[in-house]
Protein backbone atom coordinates (compact mmCIF):
# COMPACT_ATOMS: atom_id res chain seq x y z
CA MET A 1 -30.86 -38.19 71.13
CA ASN A 2 -30.74 -39.56 74.82
CA ASN A 3 -32.33 -36.18 76.18
CA LYS A 4 -33.12 -32.77 74.56
CA ILE A 5 -34.75 -29.40 75.66
CA LEU A 6 -37.88 -28.04 73.54
CA ILE A 7 -37.88 -24.19 72.96
CA LEU A 8 -41.10 -22.97 72.11
CA ASP A 9 -40.75 -19.68 69.99
CA PHE A 10 -43.28 -16.81 70.49
CA GLY A 11 -41.66 -14.41 68.07
CA SER A 12 -38.66 -13.11 70.22
CA GLN A 13 -35.43 -11.82 68.36
CA PHE A 14 -33.57 -13.73 71.16
CA THR A 15 -35.02 -17.53 70.51
CA GLN A 16 -31.84 -18.62 68.61
CA LEU A 17 -29.80 -17.31 71.23
CA ILE A 18 -31.71 -19.33 73.90
CA ALA A 19 -30.80 -22.40 71.64
CA ARG A 20 -27.13 -21.32 71.37
CA ARG A 21 -26.90 -21.19 75.24
CA VAL A 22 -28.41 -24.66 75.88
CA ARG A 23 -26.04 -26.20 72.99
CA GLU A 24 -23.17 -24.76 74.76
CA LEU A 25 -23.81 -26.84 77.89
CA ASN A 26 -23.57 -29.96 75.20
CA VAL A 27 -27.36 -30.48 75.53
CA TYR A 28 -29.36 -30.74 72.40
CA CYS A 29 -32.17 -28.47 71.99
CA GLU A 30 -34.76 -27.63 69.35
CA ILE A 31 -36.88 -24.62 68.39
CA GLN A 32 -40.65 -24.97 67.75
CA PRO A 33 -43.30 -22.29 66.64
CA CYS A 34 -45.58 -21.72 69.81
CA THR A 35 -48.35 -22.47 67.15
CA LYS A 36 -47.38 -25.89 66.57
CA ALA A 37 -48.69 -28.66 69.30
CA VAL A 38 -46.26 -30.28 71.35
CA VAL A 39 -45.68 -33.87 71.08
CA TYR A 40 -44.31 -35.36 74.15
CA ASP A 41 -41.54 -38.29 73.70
CA SER A 42 -39.07 -39.84 76.42
CA SER A 43 -36.19 -37.63 74.84
CA ILE A 44 -37.69 -34.34 75.81
CA LYS A 45 -36.64 -33.47 79.38
CA GLY A 46 -37.91 -29.91 79.65
CA ILE A 47 -39.52 -26.89 77.98
CA ILE A 48 -38.42 -23.16 77.55
CA LEU A 49 -41.00 -20.60 76.52
CA SER A 50 -39.21 -17.67 74.72
CA GLY A 51 -40.15 -13.93 74.96
CA SER A 52 -42.50 -11.97 72.18
CA PRO A 53 -43.12 -9.08 70.52
CA PHE A 54 -46.92 -9.73 71.69
CA SER A 55 -48.47 -8.32 74.82
CA VAL A 56 -50.52 -11.18 76.55
CA ASN A 57 -53.36 -8.77 76.52
CA ASP A 58 -53.63 -8.76 72.82
CA PRO A 59 -56.42 -10.80 71.74
CA LYS A 60 -54.40 -12.02 68.82
CA ALA A 61 -51.49 -13.31 71.17
CA PRO A 62 -50.43 -16.76 71.01
CA MET A 63 -51.92 -18.64 74.34
CA PRO A 64 -50.78 -22.20 74.30
CA ASP A 65 -51.81 -23.81 77.63
CA ILE A 66 -48.61 -23.85 80.11
CA ALA A 67 -50.38 -26.05 82.72
CA ALA A 68 -50.80 -28.82 80.26
CA MET A 69 -47.11 -28.73 79.23
CA ALA A 70 -46.10 -28.53 83.09
CA ASN A 71 -48.26 -31.54 83.74
CA GLU A 72 -45.47 -33.19 81.57
CA LEU A 73 -42.33 -31.53 82.00
CA PRO A 74 -40.62 -28.92 83.95
CA VAL A 75 -40.88 -25.46 82.35
CA LEU A 76 -38.92 -22.18 82.14
CA ALA A 77 -41.14 -19.18 81.05
CA VAL A 78 -39.04 -16.10 79.95
CA CYS A 79 -40.43 -12.48 79.47
CA TYR A 80 -43.65 -13.05 77.39
CA GLY A 81 -43.57 -16.46 78.79
CA ALA A 82 -43.44 -15.14 82.22
CA GLN A 83 -46.40 -12.71 81.63
CA LEU A 84 -48.36 -15.53 80.06
CA LEU A 85 -48.02 -18.05 82.74
CA ALA A 86 -49.06 -15.34 85.32
CA LYS A 87 -52.05 -14.32 83.30
CA GLN A 88 -53.18 -17.99 82.91
CA ALA A 89 -52.28 -18.78 86.80
CA GLY A 90 -54.84 -16.10 87.85
CA GLY A 91 -52.15 -12.97 88.21
CA GLU A 92 -52.59 -9.75 86.76
CA VAL A 93 -50.43 -8.50 83.80
CA GLY A 94 -50.56 -4.71 82.40
CA LYS A 95 -48.55 -1.86 80.79
CA SER A 96 -45.59 -0.75 82.81
CA THR A 97 -45.53 2.89 84.01
CA HIS A 98 -42.24 3.11 82.12
CA ARG A 99 -40.88 0.61 79.37
CA GLU A 100 -38.35 -1.82 81.01
CA TYR A 101 -35.43 -2.21 78.57
CA GLY A 102 -31.77 -2.61 79.47
CA ARG A 103 -29.59 -3.46 82.28
CA ALA A 104 -31.00 -4.18 85.84
CA HIS A 105 -29.87 -5.92 88.92
CA LEU A 106 -31.55 -8.50 90.94
CA GLN A 107 -32.68 -8.04 94.45
CA ASP A 108 -34.09 -10.27 97.16
CA VAL A 109 -32.96 -13.52 95.30
CA VAL A 110 -34.28 -16.70 96.61
CA HIS A 111 -30.78 -18.60 96.67
CA THR A 112 -32.48 -22.01 98.02
CA ASP A 113 -34.35 -22.17 94.91
CA PRO A 114 -32.64 -24.57 92.46
CA LEU A 115 -32.83 -22.12 89.59
CA PHE A 116 -31.11 -19.51 91.36
CA ALA A 117 -28.28 -21.78 92.60
CA SER A 118 -25.05 -19.86 92.53
CA ILE A 119 -26.52 -16.44 91.55
CA ASN A 120 -26.23 -13.64 94.11
CA ASN A 121 -28.00 -10.38 94.94
CA GLY A 122 -26.97 -7.49 92.58
CA SER A 123 -26.35 -9.92 89.53
CA GLN A 124 -26.93 -7.95 86.27
CA VAL A 125 -29.86 -9.00 84.16
CA TRP A 126 -31.25 -7.85 80.73
CA MET A 127 -34.89 -6.57 80.63
CA SER A 128 -36.70 -5.95 77.45
CA HIS A 129 -40.72 -5.58 77.96
CA SER A 130 -43.32 -3.21 77.91
CA ASP A 131 -45.78 -4.96 79.78
CA THR A 132 -45.10 -6.27 83.42
CA ILE A 133 -46.53 -8.42 86.11
CA LYS A 134 -48.40 -6.37 88.47
CA GLN A 135 -50.09 -8.86 90.73
CA LEU A 136 -48.46 -12.37 91.40
CA PRO A 137 -50.97 -15.37 91.12
CA ASN A 138 -52.17 -17.31 94.23
CA ASP A 139 -49.86 -20.09 95.30
CA CYS A 140 -46.81 -18.86 93.57
CA THR A 141 -43.53 -17.95 95.09
CA LEU A 142 -41.65 -14.75 94.34
CA LEU A 143 -38.05 -15.54 93.57
CA ALA A 144 -36.20 -12.08 92.79
CA ARG A 145 -37.26 -8.62 91.95
CA SER A 146 -35.10 -5.75 90.68
CA GLU A 147 -34.79 -1.87 91.41
CA SER A 148 -37.62 -1.21 88.71
CA ILE A 149 -40.13 -4.41 88.78
CA PRO A 150 -41.54 -6.01 91.92
CA VAL A 151 -41.58 -9.32 90.06
CA ALA A 152 -38.37 -10.31 88.36
CA ALA A 153 -38.87 -13.97 88.85
CA PHE A 154 -41.45 -16.35 90.62
CA LYS A 155 -42.55 -20.13 90.43
CA THR A 156 -45.59 -21.99 90.51
CA GLY A 157 -47.04 -23.90 93.28
CA SER A 158 -48.41 -27.38 93.36
CA SER A 159 -51.97 -26.49 92.75
CA PHE A 160 -50.77 -25.47 89.21
CA ALA A 161 -49.45 -28.37 87.73
CA LYS A 162 -47.47 -31.58 88.51
CA HIS A 163 -44.12 -29.86 87.69
CA THR A 164 -42.98 -26.54 88.77
CA VAL A 165 -42.95 -23.64 86.08
CA HIS A 166 -40.09 -21.21 86.85
CA ALA A 167 -40.57 -17.93 85.18
CA ILE A 168 -38.47 -14.93 84.67
CA GLN A 169 -39.28 -11.35 83.41
CA PHE A 170 -35.70 -10.85 81.97
CA HIS A 171 -33.39 -12.46 79.25
CA PRO A 172 -30.58 -14.98 80.53
CA GLU A 173 -29.62 -15.83 77.01
CA VAL A 174 -28.04 -12.47 76.16
CA THR A 175 -24.15 -11.53 77.40
CA HIS A 176 -25.74 -8.58 79.22
CA SER A 177 -27.50 -11.24 81.73
CA THR A 178 -23.96 -11.77 83.52
CA ASP A 179 -25.31 -15.20 85.41
CA GLY A 180 -27.50 -16.11 82.59
CA GLY A 181 -25.60 -18.98 81.65
CA GLN A 182 -25.58 -20.47 85.22
CA LEU A 183 -29.35 -19.97 85.38
CA LEU A 184 -29.84 -21.85 82.16
CA LYS A 185 -27.44 -24.67 83.46
CA ASN A 186 -29.42 -24.69 86.85
CA PHE A 187 -32.67 -25.39 84.72
CA VAL A 188 -31.38 -27.60 82.06
CA ILE A 189 -28.97 -29.76 84.15
CA ASP A 190 -30.25 -29.48 87.52
CA ILE A 191 -33.87 -29.26 87.28
CA CYS A 192 -34.48 -31.14 83.90
CA GLY A 193 -31.95 -33.71 84.60
CA CYS A 194 -30.40 -33.31 81.16
CA VAL A 195 -26.74 -35.35 80.50
CA GLN A 196 -24.08 -33.21 78.90
CA ASP A 197 -23.34 -35.75 76.13
CA TRP A 198 -24.00 -33.77 72.86
CA THR A 199 -20.91 -33.22 71.52
CA PRO A 200 -19.09 -33.17 67.85
CA ALA A 201 -17.76 -36.70 68.46
CA SER A 202 -21.29 -38.00 69.44
CA PHE A 203 -23.06 -36.17 66.48
CA ILE A 204 -20.66 -37.70 63.83
CA GLU A 205 -21.40 -41.08 65.36
CA GLU A 206 -25.03 -40.68 65.42
CA THR A 207 -25.18 -38.90 62.00
CA VAL A 208 -22.95 -41.37 59.90
CA ALA A 209 -25.09 -44.36 61.44
CA ARG A 210 -28.29 -42.80 60.50
CA ILE A 211 -27.30 -41.86 56.97
CA LYS A 212 -25.91 -45.62 56.54
CA ALA A 213 -29.42 -46.75 57.73
CA GLU A 214 -31.14 -44.46 55.59
CA ALA A 215 -29.21 -44.72 52.23
CA GLY A 216 -27.77 -48.04 52.43
CA ASP A 217 -26.13 -48.99 49.23
CA LYS A 218 -27.92 -46.33 47.10
CA LYS A 219 -26.37 -43.41 45.41
CA VAL A 220 -26.35 -39.68 46.61
CA VAL A 221 -25.55 -36.58 44.32
CA MET A 222 -24.45 -33.25 46.09
CA ALA A 223 -23.57 -30.06 45.06
CA LEU A 224 -20.36 -28.53 46.59
CA SER A 225 -19.39 -24.76 46.69
CA GLY A 226 -16.04 -25.07 48.60
CA GLY A 227 -17.75 -23.59 51.81
CA VAL A 228 -17.69 -25.21 55.10
CA ASP A 229 -21.38 -26.41 55.34
CA SER A 230 -21.55 -28.37 52.00
CA THR A 231 -17.76 -29.69 52.85
CA VAL A 232 -18.48 -30.98 56.29
CA ALA A 233 -21.97 -32.54 54.88
CA ALA A 234 -20.23 -34.23 52.21
CA THR A 235 -17.54 -35.71 54.39
CA LEU A 236 -20.16 -36.98 56.77
CA ILE A 237 -22.15 -38.74 53.87
CA HIS A 238 -18.84 -40.05 52.68
CA ARG A 239 -17.88 -41.34 55.91
CA ALA A 240 -21.28 -43.41 55.72
CA ILE A 241 -21.40 -44.62 52.38
CA GLY A 242 -18.02 -44.05 50.48
CA ASP A 243 -18.04 -43.31 46.58
CA ASN A 244 -21.84 -43.79 46.08
CA LEU A 245 -21.48 -39.90 46.95
CA TYR A 246 -21.21 -38.22 43.91
CA CYS A 247 -20.06 -34.34 44.11
CA ILE A 248 -20.42 -31.76 41.24
CA PHE A 249 -18.74 -28.37 41.65
CA VAL A 250 -19.87 -25.85 39.36
CA ASP A 251 -17.75 -22.64 38.45
CA ASN A 252 -20.18 -19.93 37.87
CA GLY A 253 -17.58 -17.42 36.78
CA LEU A 254 -18.35 -15.61 39.94
CA LEU A 255 -15.82 -17.34 42.47
CA ARG A 256 -12.93 -15.75 44.13
CA LYS A 257 -9.72 -15.72 42.20
CA ASP A 258 -8.29 -19.17 41.25
CA GLU A 259 -10.81 -20.75 43.83
CA PHE A 260 -12.21 -23.18 41.33
CA ALA A 261 -8.83 -25.07 40.94
CA GLN A 262 -7.87 -24.88 44.54
CA VAL A 263 -11.00 -26.10 46.01
CA LEU A 264 -10.93 -28.88 43.30
CA GLU A 265 -7.32 -30.04 44.56
CA GLY A 266 -8.73 -29.52 48.54
CA TYR A 267 -11.46 -32.01 47.58
CA LYS A 268 -9.21 -34.40 46.11
CA HIS A 269 -7.12 -34.63 49.15
CA LEU A 270 -10.48 -35.09 51.10
CA GLY A 271 -11.05 -38.24 48.92
CA LEU A 272 -14.26 -36.90 47.70
CA ASN A 273 -15.47 -38.12 44.31
CA THR A 274 -16.02 -34.44 42.74
CA LYS A 275 -16.52 -33.48 39.34
CA GLY A 276 -15.90 -29.72 38.25
CA VAL A 277 -18.03 -28.30 35.62
CA ASP A 278 -16.87 -24.85 34.24
CA ALA A 279 -20.08 -23.11 33.22
CA HIS A 280 -18.86 -19.40 33.43
CA GLU A 281 -19.38 -18.28 30.05
CA ARG A 282 -23.29 -19.45 30.21
CA PHE A 283 -23.67 -17.38 33.51
CA TYR A 284 -21.95 -14.28 31.81
CA LYS A 285 -24.41 -14.59 28.90
CA GLU A 286 -27.47 -14.54 30.80
CA LEU A 287 -26.37 -11.66 33.37
CA ASP A 288 -25.26 -9.56 30.74
CA GLY A 289 -26.89 -5.90 31.16
CA VAL A 290 -28.96 -7.15 34.41
CA SER A 291 -28.65 -4.46 37.22
CA ASP A 292 -31.63 -5.58 39.57
CA PRO A 293 -29.99 -7.49 42.71
CA GLU A 294 -33.10 -9.79 43.11
CA THR A 295 -32.93 -10.67 39.02
CA LYS A 296 -29.43 -11.47 39.25
CA ARG A 297 -29.71 -13.88 42.31
CA LYS A 298 -32.63 -15.49 40.50
CA ILE A 299 -30.72 -16.06 37.17
CA ILE A 300 -27.67 -17.26 39.02
CA GLY A 301 -30.08 -19.80 41.43
CA ARG A 302 -31.75 -20.97 38.15
CA LEU A 303 -28.72 -21.34 36.03
CA PHE A 304 -27.09 -23.45 39.05
CA ILE A 305 -30.04 -25.61 39.25
CA GLU A 306 -30.11 -26.21 35.49
CA VAL A 307 -26.23 -27.02 35.30
CA PHE A 308 -26.18 -29.32 38.50
CA HIS A 309 -29.31 -31.10 36.93
CA GLU A 310 -27.68 -31.65 33.75
CA GLU A 311 -24.70 -33.09 35.21
CA SER A 312 -26.59 -35.16 37.56
CA LEU A 313 -28.60 -36.84 34.69
CA LYS A 314 -25.38 -38.36 33.50
CA LEU A 315 -25.44 -40.29 36.71
CA THR A 316 -27.54 -43.35 36.90
CA ASP A 317 -29.79 -44.82 39.62
CA VAL A 318 -29.43 -41.83 42.04
CA SER A 319 -31.73 -42.02 45.11
CA PHE A 320 -30.60 -39.13 47.29
CA LEU A 321 -29.68 -35.45 47.25
CA GLY A 322 -27.47 -34.16 49.79
CA GLN A 323 -27.61 -30.72 51.10
CA GLY A 324 -25.55 -28.50 53.35
CA THR A 325 -28.92 -26.87 55.09
CA ILE A 326 -27.80 -25.75 58.56
CA TYR A 327 -29.99 -24.97 61.59
CA PRO A 328 -30.58 -21.23 60.99
CA ASP A 329 -32.27 -22.22 57.32
CA VAL A 330 -34.70 -24.33 59.40
CA ILE A 331 -35.65 -22.01 61.91
CA GLU A 332 -36.36 -19.19 59.28
CA SER A 333 -38.71 -21.31 57.53
CA LEU A 334 -40.61 -22.39 60.73
CA SER A 335 -41.28 -18.81 61.89
CA VAL A 336 -43.84 -18.02 64.31
CA HIS A 337 -45.55 -15.69 61.99
CA GLY A 338 -45.13 -17.95 59.11
CA PRO A 339 -42.59 -17.39 56.27
CA SER A 340 -40.60 -13.98 56.98
CA ALA A 341 -40.80 -11.15 54.45
CA THR A 342 -38.19 -11.79 51.55
CA ILE A 343 -35.13 -9.52 52.21
CA LYS A 344 -33.34 -11.43 49.43
CA SER A 345 -33.78 -14.81 47.70
CA HIS A 346 -31.88 -17.49 49.69
CA HIS A 347 -28.91 -18.94 47.87
CA ASN A 348 -29.17 -22.62 48.91
CA VAL A 349 -30.39 -24.77 46.12
CA GLY A 350 -33.88 -24.58 46.53
CA GLY A 351 -36.02 -26.30 44.06
CA LEU A 352 -33.69 -29.02 43.40
CA PRO A 353 -35.56 -31.87 45.38
CA GLU A 354 -38.77 -31.25 43.61
CA ILE A 355 -37.03 -30.96 39.94
CA MET A 356 -35.04 -34.15 40.66
CA HIS A 357 -37.49 -36.09 42.37
CA LEU A 358 -34.90 -37.30 45.11
CA SER A 359 -35.20 -37.66 48.77
CA LEU A 360 -32.99 -35.40 50.84
CA ILE A 361 -30.11 -36.02 53.15
CA GLU A 362 -29.35 -33.15 55.31
CA PRO A 363 -26.62 -34.00 57.97
CA LEU A 364 -26.35 -30.59 59.26
CA ARG A 365 -29.82 -29.42 59.62
CA ALA A 366 -29.61 -29.51 63.37
CA LEU A 367 -26.25 -27.53 63.69
CA PHE A 368 -25.61 -23.87 64.01
CA LYS A 369 -22.36 -22.42 61.91
CA ASP A 370 -19.76 -22.57 64.76
CA GLU A 371 -21.07 -26.11 65.66
CA VAL A 372 -20.57 -27.16 61.85
CA ARG A 373 -16.88 -26.11 62.26
CA LYS A 374 -16.27 -28.03 65.42
CA VAL A 375 -17.72 -31.15 63.58
CA GLY A 376 -15.65 -30.36 60.84
CA ARG A 377 -12.34 -30.12 63.15
CA GLU A 378 -13.50 -33.21 64.79
CA LEU A 379 -13.65 -35.05 61.21
CA GLY A 380 -10.17 -33.76 60.49
CA ILE A 381 -10.90 -31.51 57.51
CA ASP A 382 -8.36 -29.15 56.52
CA ASP A 383 -8.44 -25.64 57.94
CA ILE A 384 -8.56 -24.01 54.48
CA PHE A 385 -12.33 -25.40 54.36
CA ILE A 386 -13.19 -24.92 57.93
CA SER A 387 -11.78 -21.42 58.73
CA ARG A 388 -13.16 -20.16 55.42
CA HIS A 389 -15.19 -17.15 55.61
CA PRO A 390 -19.07 -17.49 54.48
CA PHE A 391 -19.30 -16.76 50.69
CA PRO A 392 -22.66 -15.86 49.19
CA GLY A 393 -24.11 -18.46 46.60
CA PRO A 394 -24.40 -15.89 43.98
CA GLY A 395 -20.75 -15.05 44.72
CA LEU A 396 -19.23 -12.07 43.34
CA GLY A 397 -22.43 -11.31 41.19
CA ILE A 398 -24.22 -9.61 44.22
CA ARG A 399 -20.57 -7.78 45.00
CA ILE A 400 -20.76 -6.26 41.81
CA LEU A 401 -23.43 -3.75 42.15
CA GLY A 402 -25.25 -3.38 38.85
CA ALA A 403 -24.62 -5.26 35.81
CA VAL A 404 -21.96 -7.81 35.68
CA SER A 405 -19.42 -8.39 32.80
CA GLU A 406 -16.21 -10.69 32.79
CA GLU A 407 -13.82 -7.42 32.92
CA LYS A 408 -15.73 -6.10 36.24
CA VAL A 409 -15.45 -10.05 37.68
CA LYS A 410 -11.67 -9.89 36.91
CA MET A 411 -11.30 -6.54 38.28
CA LEU A 412 -13.05 -7.36 41.64
CA GLN A 413 -11.19 -10.92 42.09
CA GLU A 414 -7.97 -9.18 41.82
CA ALA A 415 -8.80 -6.51 44.64
CA ASP A 416 -10.67 -9.16 46.71
CA ALA A 417 -7.48 -11.17 46.68
CA ILE A 418 -5.33 -8.40 47.67
CA TYR A 419 -7.83 -7.58 50.51
CA ILE A 420 -8.04 -11.31 51.78
CA GLN A 421 -4.22 -12.12 51.59
CA HIS A 422 -3.54 -8.81 53.55
CA LEU A 423 -6.10 -9.99 56.15
CA ARG A 424 -4.28 -13.21 56.15
CA ASP A 425 -0.88 -11.93 56.61
CA SER A 426 -1.72 -9.43 59.24
CA GLY A 427 -3.43 -12.20 61.50
CA GLN A 428 -6.96 -10.52 61.25
CA TYR A 429 -8.41 -13.33 58.83
CA HIS A 430 -9.40 -15.43 61.91
CA GLN A 431 -10.87 -12.50 63.83
CA VAL A 432 -13.35 -11.42 61.20
CA TRP A 433 -16.41 -13.72 60.65
CA GLN A 434 -16.76 -12.54 56.92
CA ALA A 435 -14.88 -10.15 54.57
CA GLY A 436 -14.97 -9.36 50.91
CA ALA A 437 -14.74 -6.44 48.38
CA ILE A 438 -17.57 -4.81 46.68
CA LEU A 439 -17.23 -3.20 43.36
CA LEU A 440 -19.56 -0.08 43.17
CA PRO A 441 -21.10 1.32 40.20
CA VAL A 442 -19.58 4.72 41.00
CA GLN A 443 -16.84 6.34 39.14
CA SER A 444 -14.58 9.22 40.54
CA VAL A 445 -11.87 11.62 39.36
CA GLY A 446 -8.65 10.41 40.46
CA VAL A 447 -4.70 11.34 39.89
CA MET A 448 -2.16 8.83 38.65
CA GLY A 449 1.08 10.30 38.08
CA ASP A 450 0.42 13.28 36.03
CA GLU A 451 -2.74 11.55 34.24
CA ARG A 452 -6.18 12.35 35.48
CA THR A 453 -8.05 8.97 35.92
CA TYR A 454 -12.01 8.23 36.09
CA GLU A 455 -12.12 4.88 37.46
CA TYR A 456 -14.42 2.70 39.84
CA THR A 457 -14.77 2.76 43.59
CA CYS A 458 -14.09 -0.50 45.61
CA ALA A 459 -15.82 -0.92 49.20
CA LEU A 460 -14.30 -3.33 51.70
CA ARG A 461 -16.47 -5.08 54.02
CA ALA A 462 -15.71 -6.93 56.84
CA VAL A 463 -17.92 -8.29 60.21
CA THR A 464 -17.41 -9.69 63.49
CA SER A 465 -20.49 -12.18 64.28
CA VAL A 466 -21.09 -15.69 65.72
CA ASP A 467 -23.63 -17.05 63.07
CA GLY A 468 -24.56 -14.26 60.84
CA MET A 469 -27.86 -13.48 62.29
CA THR A 470 -26.45 -10.10 63.68
CA ALA A 471 -23.06 -8.57 62.95
CA ASP A 472 -20.94 -5.51 63.97
CA TRP A 473 -18.20 -4.27 61.62
CA SER A 474 -14.86 -5.10 62.37
CA HIS A 475 -12.23 -2.39 63.82
CA LEU A 476 -9.45 -2.98 61.38
CA PRO A 477 -6.44 -1.18 62.38
CA TYR A 478 -5.99 2.19 60.26
CA ASP A 479 -2.55 1.22 58.84
CA LEU A 480 -3.79 -2.05 57.65
CA LEU A 481 -6.64 -0.26 55.84
CA ALA A 482 -4.38 2.18 54.25
CA LYS A 483 -1.82 -0.75 52.92
CA ILE A 484 -4.78 -2.41 51.71
CA SER A 485 -6.15 0.50 49.99
CA ASN A 486 -2.79 1.63 48.48
CA ASP A 487 -2.11 -1.83 46.93
CA ILE A 488 -5.65 -2.08 45.37
CA ILE A 489 -5.33 1.06 43.94
CA ASN A 490 -1.90 0.74 42.54
CA ARG A 491 -2.19 -2.94 41.54
CA VAL A 492 -5.90 -3.22 40.21
CA ARG A 493 -6.31 -1.37 36.95
CA GLY A 494 -9.83 -0.04 36.63
CA ILE A 495 -9.91 1.23 40.69
CA ASN A 496 -8.78 4.53 41.82
CA ARG A 497 -10.72 4.75 45.19
CA VAL A 498 -11.11 2.46 48.16
CA VAL A 499 -13.74 2.86 51.07
CA TYR A 500 -14.53 0.95 54.12
CA ASP A 501 -18.09 0.06 55.19
CA ILE A 502 -18.65 0.55 59.04
CA SER A 503 -22.45 -0.40 59.02
CA SER A 504 -23.62 -3.24 61.26
CA LYS A 505 -26.44 -5.70 60.84
CA PRO A 506 -29.02 -4.67 61.65
CA PRO A 507 -30.08 -2.40 60.03
CA ALA A 508 -27.81 -3.01 56.88
CA THR A 509 -27.07 -6.67 55.78
CA ILE A 510 -23.79 -8.20 55.71
CA GLU A 511 -23.91 -8.53 51.60
CA TRP A 512 -24.63 -5.08 49.73
CA GLU A 513 -27.19 -6.89 47.45
């Protein structure tokens, strides 16, 4: 990396958005917990301090030395970061008379400051804080206010540190801040001097070279799922080491209809050295009668590791394990508060490196999901893989609420296939981030012909999102939903009722289990 921006995370819900906005400028950035000491090198061109749920007046609040950072590099302090700067520089921070949350408009903007170049008075910004800066520190310059707060932005003078620290009490990373992208560009490009050279093509070139240097002529084994992450990761590794990459695709019996054969055929066209393993009976046997969602996830994860490990032992002299880990997985494991509470077990192949005593190769650990897709397209991977909706590792095992059986899997596979085909035929598939059918453990009375039925309910889920961290339910046309419902009820024996999930994340999750 020739240059990058370091983002210090103080626990804000928007920290990943800051990273995404910087990446959109074709500049590489990394998120690091604020509790970790900054290690400076020539590639780091600037530091951004995130917001936080903490108050700077809380004795337990994180308090890294901003002056020490600014003696090394330019710093942009956002929300909590701005308040922390004000306190450390000798100003006053206290509770607002009213909570400042939502849209506001900048006034008295100092246009001559490089941070506010091309940003006008009246520009809409997004506030989200209960503390506010009541007294500006000495030798600091006010850069903007809003209708509700006297200090919306300021900067430090020469007495504070070698480099200027710019501070803002609003969030430029959210879309509600209409000139937020321009402000970040002003900081990253103009103030820090970053070069916009981090592109899919440059990422591929650097990554392939790194894998070649790391793996050499040694063998790598990797589990494939048919999803975009593992497919792109495998293609990068294959481009670096060729047939020294050995791929294993396990059929756990919980894939979508005909997916096992279709994915294997797709991997053949990609030139990947892939072995398919049919282990569906083994999974069904251990899942028989198990209803608890977390128990199901653990059984499916454990069995996958066992099957994959057994197959990999048939290979000789393997040195590395390839994985499709992406950046959100990395960030979640580096929370400023420590590991976050377990909402549900992660479906990545955790535990395999320890069991197999192999070193990891994770080509995508620096990328967000949409960046993985851009790299995949640059690699020329078929759209059937690149545009495929995310699919949970436990598969239909967590889309069948309650106990899993082969009969229920086949029922759900049929309903899901009808649903997805309708989305494709209507042009809605690519407007949706993720969609799937869920079989509920609820039976209800229905009438088909002159006969009474007592069959299962199928829920349809479709969400829009950028990276899956938050999501909104997709507003599919009513006539399309009516066609899907009619087709499922008429063609799938065992289902007589279809409902549509209109819950967003949060508070709901994308998957039901």
